[in-house]
N, C-alpha and C. Protein backbone atom coordinates (compact mmCIF):
# COMPACT_ATOMS: atom_id res chain seq x y z
N PHE A 1 92.49 -81.79 6.39
CA PHE A 1 92.35 -83.21 6.11
C PHE A 1 92.13 -83.41 4.62
N ASP A 2 92.65 -84.51 4.10
CA ASP A 2 92.28 -84.88 2.74
C ASP A 2 90.89 -85.51 2.74
N ILE A 3 90.69 -86.47 3.66
CA ILE A 3 89.42 -87.19 3.74
C ILE A 3 88.89 -87.09 5.17
N HIS A 4 87.63 -86.73 5.30
CA HIS A 4 86.97 -86.70 6.60
C HIS A 4 85.76 -87.61 6.49
N GLY A 5 85.60 -88.53 7.40
CA GLY A 5 84.51 -89.47 7.30
C GLY A 5 83.75 -89.63 8.59
N GLY A 6 82.66 -90.35 8.47
CA GLY A 6 81.83 -90.66 9.62
C GLY A 6 80.54 -91.26 9.15
N GLY A 7 79.70 -91.60 10.10
CA GLY A 7 78.41 -92.18 9.78
C GLY A 7 77.48 -91.18 9.11
N ALA A 8 76.54 -91.70 8.34
CA ALA A 8 75.58 -90.84 7.64
C ALA A 8 74.80 -89.97 8.61
N ASP A 9 74.63 -90.44 9.82
CA ASP A 9 73.88 -89.67 10.82
C ASP A 9 74.64 -88.42 11.28
N LEU A 10 75.93 -88.32 10.96
CA LEU A 10 76.73 -87.16 11.37
C LEU A 10 76.76 -86.05 10.33
N GLN A 11 76.25 -86.34 9.15
CA GLN A 11 76.33 -85.35 8.07
C GLN A 11 75.65 -84.05 8.48
N PHE A 12 74.42 -84.15 8.96
CA PHE A 12 73.73 -82.96 9.48
C PHE A 12 73.31 -83.28 10.90
N PRO A 13 73.57 -82.43 11.84
CA PRO A 13 74.18 -81.12 11.71
C PRO A 13 75.69 -81.12 12.01
N HIS A 14 76.22 -82.24 12.50
CA HIS A 14 77.59 -82.25 13.01
C HIS A 14 78.61 -81.80 11.96
N HIS A 15 78.66 -82.47 10.81
CA HIS A 15 79.67 -82.14 9.81
C HIS A 15 79.41 -80.79 9.15
N GLU A 16 78.15 -80.46 8.96
CA GLU A 16 77.86 -79.14 8.39
C GLU A 16 78.32 -78.03 9.33
N ASN A 17 78.19 -78.25 10.64
CA ASN A 17 78.70 -77.27 11.60
C ASN A 17 80.23 -77.22 11.58
N GLU A 18 80.87 -78.37 11.44
CA GLU A 18 82.34 -78.39 11.32
C GLU A 18 82.80 -77.56 10.13
N ILE A 19 82.10 -77.73 9.02
CA ILE A 19 82.45 -76.98 7.81
C ILE A 19 82.29 -75.48 8.06
N ALA A 20 81.14 -75.09 8.61
CA ALA A 20 80.89 -73.67 8.86
C ALA A 20 81.92 -73.07 9.82
N GLN A 21 82.23 -73.81 10.89
CA GLN A 21 83.18 -73.29 11.88
C GLN A 21 84.59 -73.20 11.32
N SER A 22 85.04 -74.25 10.63
CA SER A 22 86.42 -74.24 10.14
C SER A 22 86.60 -73.23 9.01
N GLU A 23 85.62 -73.13 8.11
CA GLU A 23 85.76 -72.16 7.03
C GLU A 23 85.63 -70.74 7.56
N GLY A 24 84.80 -70.56 8.58
CA GLY A 24 84.68 -69.25 9.20
C GLY A 24 85.97 -68.85 9.92
N ALA A 25 86.61 -69.81 10.56
CA ALA A 25 87.82 -69.51 11.33
C ALA A 25 89.06 -69.40 10.46
N PHE A 26 89.16 -70.25 9.44
CA PHE A 26 90.40 -70.33 8.67
C PHE A 26 90.27 -69.89 7.21
N GLY A 27 89.05 -69.69 6.74
CA GLY A 27 88.85 -69.23 5.38
C GLY A 27 89.16 -70.25 4.31
N LYS A 28 89.23 -71.52 4.69
CA LYS A 28 89.46 -72.57 3.70
C LYS A 28 88.79 -73.86 4.17
N PRO A 29 88.56 -74.78 3.25
CA PRO A 29 87.85 -76.02 3.61
C PRO A 29 88.63 -76.85 4.65
N LEU A 30 87.88 -77.50 5.54
CA LEU A 30 88.47 -78.39 6.53
C LEU A 30 88.97 -79.67 5.87
N ALA A 31 88.22 -80.17 4.89
CA ALA A 31 88.56 -81.43 4.23
C ALA A 31 88.31 -81.30 2.73
N GLN A 32 89.06 -82.07 1.96
CA GLN A 32 88.87 -82.09 0.51
C GLN A 32 87.71 -83.01 0.13
N VAL A 33 87.57 -84.11 0.87
CA VAL A 33 86.55 -85.12 0.58
C VAL A 33 85.83 -85.47 1.86
N TRP A 34 84.50 -85.53 1.79
CA TRP A 34 83.68 -85.95 2.92
C TRP A 34 83.03 -87.28 2.54
N MET A 35 83.22 -88.28 3.37
CA MET A 35 82.66 -89.61 3.10
C MET A 35 81.78 -90.01 4.29
N HIS A 36 80.54 -90.39 4.00
CA HIS A 36 79.61 -90.79 5.05
C HIS A 36 79.16 -92.22 4.79
N ASN A 37 79.46 -93.07 5.75
CA ASN A 37 79.16 -94.49 5.58
C ASN A 37 77.76 -94.84 6.09
N GLY A 38 77.22 -95.92 5.50
CA GLY A 38 75.94 -96.44 5.96
C GLY A 38 76.11 -97.20 7.26
N PHE A 39 75.01 -97.55 7.86
CA PHE A 39 75.02 -98.26 9.14
C PHE A 39 75.25 -99.75 8.94
N VAL A 40 75.74 -100.39 9.97
CA VAL A 40 75.80 -101.85 9.99
C VAL A 40 74.50 -102.32 10.61
N THR A 41 73.84 -103.22 9.90
CA THR A 41 72.62 -103.82 10.43
C THR A 41 72.88 -105.30 10.68
N ARG A 42 72.07 -105.87 11.49
CA ARG A 42 72.19 -107.31 11.76
C ARG A 42 70.84 -107.93 11.48
N ASP A 43 70.83 -108.83 10.54
CA ASP A 43 69.59 -109.45 10.09
C ASP A 43 68.54 -108.38 9.76
N ASN A 44 68.97 -107.35 9.02
CA ASN A 44 68.16 -106.25 8.52
C ASN A 44 67.59 -105.34 9.60
N GLU A 45 68.15 -105.36 10.80
CA GLU A 45 67.73 -104.47 11.87
C GLU A 45 68.94 -103.67 12.32
N LYS A 46 68.75 -102.37 12.56
CA LYS A 46 69.86 -101.53 13.00
C LYS A 46 70.51 -102.14 14.23
N MET A 47 71.84 -102.21 14.17
CA MET A 47 72.58 -102.80 15.27
C MET A 47 72.71 -101.78 16.39
N SER A 48 72.43 -102.23 17.62
CA SER A 48 72.59 -101.34 18.76
C SER A 48 72.74 -102.16 20.04
N LYS A 49 73.41 -101.56 21.00
CA LYS A 49 73.58 -102.22 22.30
C LYS A 49 72.23 -102.42 22.97
N SER A 50 71.35 -101.43 22.85
CA SER A 50 70.05 -101.51 23.54
C SER A 50 69.18 -102.65 23.02
N LEU A 51 69.34 -103.00 21.74
CA LEU A 51 68.57 -104.12 21.18
C LEU A 51 69.24 -105.47 21.44
N GLY A 52 70.47 -105.42 21.92
CA GLY A 52 71.18 -106.67 22.21
C GLY A 52 71.70 -107.38 20.98
N ASN A 53 71.73 -106.69 19.84
CA ASN A 53 72.24 -107.33 18.62
C ASN A 53 73.58 -106.72 18.21
N PHE A 54 74.34 -106.30 19.17
CA PHE A 54 75.62 -105.64 18.98
C PHE A 54 76.74 -106.68 19.03
N PHE A 55 77.76 -106.51 18.20
CA PHE A 55 78.93 -107.37 18.23
C PHE A 55 80.15 -106.54 17.89
N THR A 56 81.31 -107.08 18.13
CA THR A 56 82.55 -106.38 17.82
C THR A 56 83.29 -107.11 16.71
N ILE A 57 84.29 -106.45 16.17
CA ILE A 57 85.11 -107.09 15.14
C ILE A 57 85.80 -108.32 15.72
N ARG A 58 86.15 -108.28 17.00
CA ARG A 58 86.76 -109.46 17.63
C ARG A 58 85.80 -110.66 17.60
N ASP A 59 84.51 -110.38 17.80
CA ASP A 59 83.51 -111.46 17.72
C ASP A 59 83.50 -112.09 16.34
N ILE A 60 83.55 -111.25 15.30
CA ILE A 60 83.54 -111.77 13.92
C ILE A 60 84.82 -112.55 13.64
N LEU A 61 85.96 -111.99 14.06
CA LEU A 61 87.25 -112.64 13.77
C LEU A 61 87.43 -113.95 14.53
N ALA A 62 86.62 -114.19 15.53
CA ALA A 62 86.65 -115.48 16.21
C ALA A 62 86.07 -116.58 15.33
N GLN A 63 85.23 -116.20 14.34
CA GLN A 63 84.60 -117.18 13.46
C GLN A 63 85.08 -117.09 12.01
N TYR A 64 85.52 -115.90 11.59
CA TYR A 64 85.88 -115.68 10.19
C TYR A 64 87.25 -115.03 10.12
N ASP A 65 88.04 -115.42 9.13
CA ASP A 65 89.37 -114.83 8.98
C ASP A 65 89.23 -113.38 8.50
N ALA A 66 90.30 -112.63 8.69
CA ALA A 66 90.28 -111.19 8.39
C ALA A 66 90.02 -110.91 6.91
N GLU A 67 90.58 -111.72 6.02
CA GLU A 67 90.38 -111.46 4.60
C GLU A 67 88.93 -111.69 4.19
N THR A 68 88.30 -112.72 4.72
CA THR A 68 86.88 -112.95 4.44
C THR A 68 86.05 -111.77 4.94
N THR A 69 86.38 -111.28 6.13
CA THR A 69 85.66 -110.14 6.70
C THR A 69 85.85 -108.90 5.83
N ARG A 70 87.07 -108.66 5.38
CA ARG A 70 87.34 -107.52 4.49
C ARG A 70 86.55 -107.67 3.19
N PHE A 71 86.55 -108.88 2.62
CA PHE A 71 85.84 -109.11 1.37
C PHE A 71 84.34 -108.88 1.55
N PHE A 72 83.80 -109.35 2.67
CA PHE A 72 82.39 -109.11 2.99
C PHE A 72 82.09 -107.62 2.98
N ILE A 73 82.98 -106.82 3.55
CA ILE A 73 82.77 -105.38 3.65
C ILE A 73 82.88 -104.70 2.28
N VAL A 74 83.90 -105.04 1.49
CA VAL A 74 84.09 -104.32 0.21
C VAL A 74 83.08 -104.73 -0.85
N ARG A 75 82.37 -105.82 -0.65
CA ARG A 75 81.33 -106.18 -1.61
C ARG A 75 80.13 -105.23 -1.54
N ALA A 76 80.04 -104.47 -0.47
CA ALA A 76 78.97 -103.48 -0.33
C ALA A 76 79.55 -102.08 -0.50
N HIS A 77 78.76 -101.17 -1.01
CA HIS A 77 79.22 -99.78 -1.12
C HIS A 77 79.23 -99.15 0.26
N TYR A 78 80.25 -98.36 0.54
CA TYR A 78 80.43 -97.80 1.87
C TYR A 78 79.27 -96.92 2.32
N ARG A 79 78.52 -96.33 1.40
CA ARG A 79 77.42 -95.45 1.78
C ARG A 79 76.13 -96.20 2.08
N ARG A 80 76.07 -97.44 1.73
CA ARG A 80 74.85 -98.24 1.94
C ARG A 80 74.96 -99.01 3.26
N ALA A 81 73.80 -99.38 3.78
CA ALA A 81 73.78 -100.20 4.98
C ALA A 81 74.48 -101.53 4.68
N LEU A 82 75.20 -102.02 5.65
CA LEU A 82 75.89 -103.31 5.52
C LEU A 82 75.17 -104.28 6.44
N ASN A 83 74.49 -105.25 5.85
CA ASN A 83 73.70 -106.19 6.63
C ASN A 83 74.56 -107.39 7.03
N HIS A 84 74.89 -107.45 8.30
CA HIS A 84 75.71 -108.55 8.81
C HIS A 84 74.83 -109.74 9.11
N SER A 85 75.28 -110.88 8.67
CA SER A 85 74.69 -112.16 9.07
C SER A 85 75.75 -113.23 8.79
N ASP A 86 75.66 -114.33 9.50
CA ASP A 86 76.60 -115.42 9.24
C ASP A 86 76.44 -115.93 7.81
N ALA A 87 75.22 -115.93 7.30
CA ALA A 87 74.99 -116.40 5.92
C ALA A 87 75.73 -115.51 4.92
N HIS A 88 75.73 -114.19 5.15
CA HIS A 88 76.45 -113.29 4.24
C HIS A 88 77.96 -113.47 4.36
N LEU A 89 78.44 -113.71 5.55
CA LEU A 89 79.88 -113.96 5.73
C LEU A 89 80.27 -115.30 5.12
N ASP A 90 79.42 -116.31 5.26
CA ASP A 90 79.70 -117.60 4.63
C ASP A 90 79.74 -117.45 3.11
N ASP A 91 78.81 -116.67 2.56
CA ASP A 91 78.79 -116.41 1.12
C ASP A 91 80.07 -115.69 0.69
N ALA A 92 80.51 -114.71 1.49
CA ALA A 92 81.75 -114.00 1.17
C ALA A 92 82.94 -114.96 1.18
N ARG A 93 82.98 -115.85 2.14
CA ARG A 93 84.07 -116.84 2.22
C ARG A 93 84.10 -117.70 0.96
N ASN A 94 82.93 -118.17 0.54
CA ASN A 94 82.86 -119.03 -0.65
C ASN A 94 83.20 -118.27 -1.92
N ALA A 95 82.76 -117.02 -2.02
CA ALA A 95 83.07 -116.20 -3.20
C ALA A 95 84.57 -115.93 -3.27
N LEU A 96 85.18 -115.63 -2.14
CA LEU A 96 86.62 -115.39 -2.10
C LEU A 96 87.38 -116.64 -2.52
N LYS A 97 86.89 -117.80 -2.13
CA LYS A 97 87.53 -119.06 -2.53
C LYS A 97 87.51 -119.22 -4.05
N ARG A 98 86.43 -118.75 -4.70
CA ARG A 98 86.36 -118.84 -6.17
C ARG A 98 87.46 -118.01 -6.82
N LEU A 99 87.76 -116.84 -6.25
CA LEU A 99 88.85 -116.03 -6.79
C LEU A 99 90.20 -116.72 -6.57
N TYR A 100 90.38 -117.29 -5.39
CA TYR A 100 91.62 -118.00 -5.12
C TYR A 100 91.77 -119.25 -5.99
N THR A 101 90.66 -119.87 -6.35
CA THR A 101 90.72 -121.05 -7.23
C THR A 101 91.34 -120.68 -8.57
N ALA A 102 90.98 -119.51 -9.10
CA ALA A 102 91.58 -119.06 -10.36
C ALA A 102 93.08 -118.87 -10.20
N LEU A 103 93.49 -118.25 -9.09
CA LEU A 103 94.93 -118.03 -8.85
C LEU A 103 95.67 -119.35 -8.64
N ASP A 104 95.02 -120.30 -7.96
CA ASP A 104 95.66 -121.59 -7.71
C ASP A 104 95.79 -122.42 -8.98
N SER A 105 94.80 -122.30 -9.87
CA SER A 105 94.83 -123.13 -11.08
C SER A 105 95.77 -122.55 -12.15
N VAL A 106 95.99 -121.25 -12.11
CA VAL A 106 96.91 -120.60 -13.06
C VAL A 106 97.85 -119.72 -12.23
N PRO A 107 99.03 -120.24 -11.90
CA PRO A 107 99.95 -119.45 -11.06
C PRO A 107 100.21 -118.06 -11.67
N PRO A 108 100.06 -117.02 -10.83
CA PRO A 108 100.20 -115.66 -11.35
C PRO A 108 101.62 -115.31 -11.74
N GLU A 109 101.72 -114.61 -12.84
CA GLU A 109 102.99 -114.05 -13.29
C GLU A 109 103.20 -112.74 -12.52
N ASP A 110 104.40 -112.49 -12.06
CA ASP A 110 104.68 -111.23 -11.37
C ASP A 110 104.76 -110.13 -12.42
N ALA A 111 103.70 -109.33 -12.47
CA ALA A 111 103.60 -108.32 -13.53
C ALA A 111 104.22 -106.98 -13.15
N GLY A 112 104.65 -106.84 -11.91
CA GLY A 112 105.17 -105.55 -11.49
C GLY A 112 104.04 -104.55 -11.32
N ALA A 113 104.23 -103.34 -11.78
CA ALA A 113 103.21 -102.29 -11.65
C ALA A 113 102.02 -102.61 -12.56
N ILE A 114 100.85 -102.24 -12.11
CA ILE A 114 99.63 -102.45 -12.89
C ILE A 114 99.62 -101.50 -14.09
N ASP A 115 99.34 -102.07 -15.26
CA ASP A 115 99.15 -101.26 -16.46
C ASP A 115 97.68 -100.86 -16.50
N TRP A 116 97.40 -99.64 -16.09
CA TRP A 116 96.01 -99.18 -15.97
C TRP A 116 95.34 -99.01 -17.33
N ARG A 117 96.06 -99.20 -18.41
CA ARG A 117 95.46 -99.15 -19.74
C ARG A 117 94.81 -100.48 -20.10
N HIS A 118 95.18 -101.56 -19.41
CA HIS A 118 94.58 -102.86 -19.67
C HIS A 118 93.07 -102.75 -19.41
N PRO A 119 92.24 -103.34 -20.27
CA PRO A 119 90.79 -103.16 -20.11
C PRO A 119 90.24 -103.53 -18.73
N PHE A 120 90.70 -104.65 -18.15
CA PHE A 120 90.21 -105.02 -16.82
C PHE A 120 90.69 -104.01 -15.77
N ALA A 121 91.96 -103.62 -15.85
CA ALA A 121 92.51 -102.66 -14.89
C ALA A 121 91.82 -101.31 -15.04
N ALA A 122 91.56 -100.89 -16.26
CA ALA A 122 90.90 -99.61 -16.49
C ALA A 122 89.49 -99.61 -15.90
N ARG A 123 88.76 -100.70 -16.10
CA ARG A 123 87.41 -100.79 -15.53
C ARG A 123 87.44 -100.80 -14.01
N PHE A 124 88.42 -101.50 -13.44
CA PHE A 124 88.59 -101.52 -11.98
C PHE A 124 88.84 -100.11 -11.47
N LYS A 125 89.74 -99.39 -12.13
CA LYS A 125 90.09 -98.02 -11.72
C LYS A 125 88.89 -97.08 -11.85
N ILE A 126 88.15 -97.21 -12.92
CA ILE A 126 86.95 -96.38 -13.10
C ILE A 126 85.98 -96.62 -11.96
N ALA A 127 85.78 -97.88 -11.59
CA ALA A 127 84.88 -98.20 -10.48
C ALA A 127 85.35 -97.57 -9.18
N MET A 128 86.63 -97.67 -8.90
CA MET A 128 87.16 -97.12 -7.65
C MET A 128 87.15 -95.60 -7.67
N ASP A 129 87.37 -95.01 -8.83
CA ASP A 129 87.37 -93.55 -8.93
C ASP A 129 85.95 -92.98 -8.84
N GLU A 130 84.94 -93.80 -9.08
CA GLU A 130 83.56 -93.36 -9.01
C GLU A 130 83.02 -93.63 -7.60
N ASP A 131 83.34 -92.72 -6.68
CA ASP A 131 82.85 -92.79 -5.31
C ASP A 131 83.22 -94.09 -4.61
N PHE A 132 84.47 -94.51 -4.82
CA PHE A 132 85.00 -95.70 -4.14
C PHE A 132 84.07 -96.89 -4.36
N GLY A 133 83.78 -97.18 -5.63
CA GLY A 133 82.81 -98.20 -6.02
C GLY A 133 83.34 -99.61 -5.90
N THR A 134 83.55 -100.06 -4.69
CA THR A 134 84.11 -101.39 -4.48
C THR A 134 83.23 -102.52 -5.01
N PRO A 135 81.88 -102.44 -4.96
CA PRO A 135 81.11 -103.56 -5.52
C PRO A 135 81.40 -103.76 -7.01
N GLU A 136 81.52 -102.66 -7.76
CA GLU A 136 81.82 -102.77 -9.19
C GLU A 136 83.25 -103.28 -9.40
N ALA A 137 84.17 -102.84 -8.56
CA ALA A 137 85.56 -103.31 -8.65
C ALA A 137 85.63 -104.81 -8.39
N VAL A 138 84.86 -105.29 -7.42
CA VAL A 138 84.83 -106.72 -7.12
C VAL A 138 84.23 -107.49 -8.30
N ALA A 139 83.23 -106.91 -8.95
CA ALA A 139 82.64 -107.56 -10.13
C ALA A 139 83.70 -107.72 -11.22
N VAL A 140 84.57 -106.72 -11.38
CA VAL A 140 85.66 -106.82 -12.36
C VAL A 140 86.59 -107.96 -11.97
N LEU A 141 86.87 -108.13 -10.68
CA LEU A 141 87.73 -109.24 -10.24
C LEU A 141 87.13 -110.59 -10.66
N PHE A 142 85.83 -110.74 -10.50
CA PHE A 142 85.20 -112.01 -10.88
C PHE A 142 85.21 -112.22 -12.39
N GLU A 143 84.99 -111.16 -13.16
CA GLU A 143 85.08 -111.29 -14.61
C GLU A 143 86.50 -111.66 -15.03
N LEU A 144 87.47 -111.05 -14.37
CA LEU A 144 88.87 -111.37 -14.67
C LEU A 144 89.20 -112.80 -14.27
N ALA A 145 88.69 -113.27 -13.14
CA ALA A 145 88.92 -114.66 -12.73
C ALA A 145 88.33 -115.62 -13.75
N ASN A 146 87.14 -115.29 -14.28
CA ASN A 146 86.55 -116.13 -15.32
C ASN A 146 87.44 -116.18 -16.56
N GLU A 147 88.02 -115.03 -16.90
CA GLU A 147 88.91 -114.98 -18.06
C GLU A 147 90.20 -115.75 -17.79
N VAL A 148 90.71 -115.69 -16.57
CA VAL A 148 91.90 -116.49 -16.20
C VAL A 148 91.59 -117.96 -16.36
N ASN A 149 90.43 -118.39 -15.87
CA ASN A 149 90.04 -119.81 -15.98
C ASN A 149 89.87 -120.23 -17.43
N ARG A 150 89.35 -119.33 -18.27
CA ARG A 150 89.15 -119.65 -19.69
C ARG A 150 90.45 -119.66 -20.47
N SER A 151 91.25 -118.60 -20.28
CA SER A 151 92.45 -118.43 -21.11
C SER A 151 93.68 -119.14 -20.57
N ARG A 152 93.68 -119.42 -19.27
CA ARG A 152 94.83 -120.05 -18.58
C ARG A 152 96.07 -119.14 -18.65
N SER A 153 95.86 -117.83 -18.66
CA SER A 153 96.93 -116.86 -18.82
C SER A 153 97.57 -116.48 -17.49
N PRO A 154 98.87 -116.79 -17.31
CA PRO A 154 99.56 -116.35 -16.09
C PRO A 154 99.62 -114.83 -15.95
N ALA A 155 99.66 -114.11 -17.07
CA ALA A 155 99.69 -112.65 -17.01
C ALA A 155 98.37 -112.11 -16.44
N LEU A 156 97.24 -112.68 -16.90
CA LEU A 156 95.94 -112.24 -16.37
C LEU A 156 95.78 -112.67 -14.91
N SER A 157 96.32 -113.83 -14.57
CA SER A 157 96.29 -114.26 -13.17
C SER A 157 97.08 -113.27 -12.30
N GLY A 158 98.22 -112.81 -12.81
CA GLY A 158 99.01 -111.80 -12.10
C GLY A 158 98.26 -110.49 -11.96
N LEU A 159 97.51 -110.11 -12.99
CA LEU A 159 96.70 -108.90 -12.92
C LEU A 159 95.61 -109.05 -11.86
N LEU A 160 94.99 -110.23 -11.82
CA LEU A 160 93.97 -110.50 -10.81
C LEU A 160 94.54 -110.33 -9.40
N LYS A 161 95.71 -110.89 -9.19
CA LYS A 161 96.34 -110.77 -7.87
C LYS A 161 96.69 -109.31 -7.56
N SER A 162 97.18 -108.58 -8.54
CA SER A 162 97.56 -107.18 -8.34
C SER A 162 96.35 -106.30 -8.06
N LEU A 163 95.27 -106.50 -8.81
CA LEU A 163 94.06 -105.71 -8.57
C LEU A 163 93.46 -106.06 -7.23
N GLY A 164 93.49 -107.34 -6.87
CA GLY A 164 93.02 -107.74 -5.54
C GLY A 164 93.80 -107.04 -4.44
N ALA A 165 95.10 -106.87 -4.67
CA ALA A 165 95.94 -106.21 -3.66
C ALA A 165 95.50 -104.77 -3.40
N CYS A 166 94.92 -104.12 -4.40
CA CYS A 166 94.41 -102.75 -4.20
C CYS A 166 93.32 -102.71 -3.14
N LEU A 167 92.64 -103.82 -2.93
CA LEU A 167 91.59 -103.92 -1.92
C LEU A 167 92.05 -104.69 -0.70
N GLY A 168 93.34 -105.04 -0.66
CA GLY A 168 93.85 -105.83 0.46
C GLY A 168 93.42 -107.28 0.39
N LEU A 169 93.22 -107.80 -0.83
CA LEU A 169 92.73 -109.16 -1.04
C LEU A 169 93.70 -109.97 -1.91
N LEU A 170 93.54 -111.26 -1.88
CA LEU A 170 94.19 -112.22 -2.78
C LEU A 170 95.72 -112.25 -2.64
N GLN A 171 96.22 -112.02 -1.46
CA GLN A 171 97.67 -112.01 -1.25
C GLN A 171 98.15 -113.20 -0.45
N GLN A 172 97.26 -114.09 -0.07
CA GLN A 172 97.67 -115.25 0.75
C GLN A 172 98.07 -116.42 -0.12
């Protein structure tokens, strides 16, 4: 595998045993990258069926569109607990609207491939290359949106749309 993932609770002993068994059997690593995500909490309490605070993605999508849900998720680092609440999803919806406002007010220029040497693109890439740092990457999107609003630059608006696409955002 290139990437092997799971919950933080699986790191020991489950994943460590997988590593020992696979390397013992095959003499090489099972995966190049191991990623362990934090838990989803609801109103700061661990989500579980036994506590009755369990929900599914279908439950969320009945109230919130998929892009808002994705934005809510990428605003948090994958290794940290993700605290679900309607207030946090409402905040994500409003924040996403602010990014779309920049795109709506300055129609994006189709820039083609991203020039990763551009300062905003470079900072976005550095954030993503540093342990999939989506919160920092999202912060770059907001700084870029502010610059789009200030400069009224269609090229920067196009960059905003292109960088958003890396996270599956801003394509509607």
